[in-house]
């Protein structure tokens, strides 16, 4: 789970549009990996 180390960094940053977009992108990657593991 490499993405978990980025969470404190994103939260500690000023809550801007870029951090929201990055967090949404990481969340989509997480959902995609979970979905592929669930269907396989």
C-alpha atoms as a PDB file:
ATOM      1  CA  UNK A   1       0.000   0.000   0.000  1.00  0.00           C
ATOM      2  CA  UNK A   2       2.282   2.750  -1.264  1.00  0.00           C
ATOM      3  CA  UNK A   3      -0.448   5.393  -1.494  1.00  0.00           C
ATOM      4  CA  UNK A   4      -0.977   5.515   2.280  1.00  0.00           C
ATOM      5  CA  UNK A   5       2.255   7.446   2.848  1.00  0.00           C
ATOM      6  CA  UNK A   6       0.956  10.269   0.623  1.00  0.00           C
ATOM      7  CA  UNK A   7      -2.172  10.834   2.720  1.00  0.00           C
ATOM      8  CA  UNK A   8      -0.521  12.824   5.553  1.00  0.00           C
ATOM      9  CA  UNK A   9       1.303  14.912   2.937  1.00  0.00           C
ATOM     10  CA  UNK A  10      -1.925  15.738   1.095  1.00  0.00           C
ATOM     11  CA  UNK A  11      -3.791  16.533   4.314  1.00  0.00           C
ATOM     12  CA  UNK A  12      -1.017  18.774   5.650  1.00  0.00           C
ATOM     13  CA  UNK A  13      -1.009  20.808   2.445  1.00  0.00           C
ATOM     14  CA  UNK A  14      -3.277  23.835   1.993  1.00  0.00           C
ATOM     15  CA  UNK A  15      -6.628  22.433   0.954  1.00  0.00           C
ATOM     16  CA  UNK A  16      -6.567  23.523  -2.683  1.00  0.00           C
ATOM     17  CA  UNK A  17      -7.924  22.256  -5.964  1.00  0.00           C
ATOM     18  CA  UNK A  18      -4.743  20.356  -6.786  1.00  0.00           C
ATOM     19  CA  UNK A  19      -4.782  18.389  -3.535  1.00  0.00           C
ATOM     20  CA  UNK A  20      -8.449  17.508  -4.019  1.00  0.00           C
ATOM     21  CA  UNK A  21      -7.757  16.351  -7.567  1.00  0.00           C
ATOM     22  CA  UNK A  22      -4.763  14.282  -6.434  1.00  0.00           C
ATOM     23  CA  UNK A  23      -6.753  12.730  -3.586  1.00  0.00           C
ATOM     24  CA  UNK A  24      -9.596  11.910  -5.989  1.00  0.00           C
ATOM     25  CA  UNK A  25      -7.095  10.364  -8.420  1.00  0.00           C
ATOM     26  CA  UNK A  26      -5.537   8.188  -5.689  1.00  0.00           C
ATOM     27  CA  UNK A  27      -9.027   7.164  -4.525  1.00  0.00           C
ATOM     28  CA  UNK A  28      -9.937   6.121  -8.063  1.00  0.00           C
ATOM     29  CA  UNK A  29      -6.756   4.039  -8.316  1.00  0.00           C
ATOM     30  CA  UNK A  30      -7.655   2.380  -5.015  1.00  0.00           C
ATOM     31  CA  UNK A  31     -11.203   1.591  -6.190  1.00  0.00           C
ATOM     32  CA  UNK A  32      -9.877   0.225  -9.479  1.00  0.00           C
ATOM     33  CA  UNK A  33      -7.428  -2.108  -7.751  1.00  0.00           C
ATOM     34  CA  UNK A  34     -10.112  -3.268  -5.325  1.00  0.00           C
ATOM     35  CA  UNK A  35     -12.537  -3.863  -8.196  1.00  0.00           C
ATOM     36  CA  UNK A  36     -10.029  -5.878 -10.217  1.00  0.00           C
ATOM     37  CA  UNK A  37      -9.109  -7.971  -7.174  1.00  0.00           C
ATOM     38  CA  UNK A  38     -12.798  -8.557  -6.441  1.00  0.00           C
ATOM     39  CA  UNK A  39     -13.667  -9.655  -9.973  1.00  0.00           C
ATOM     40  CA  UNK A  40     -10.633 -11.867 -10.544  1.00  0.00           C
END
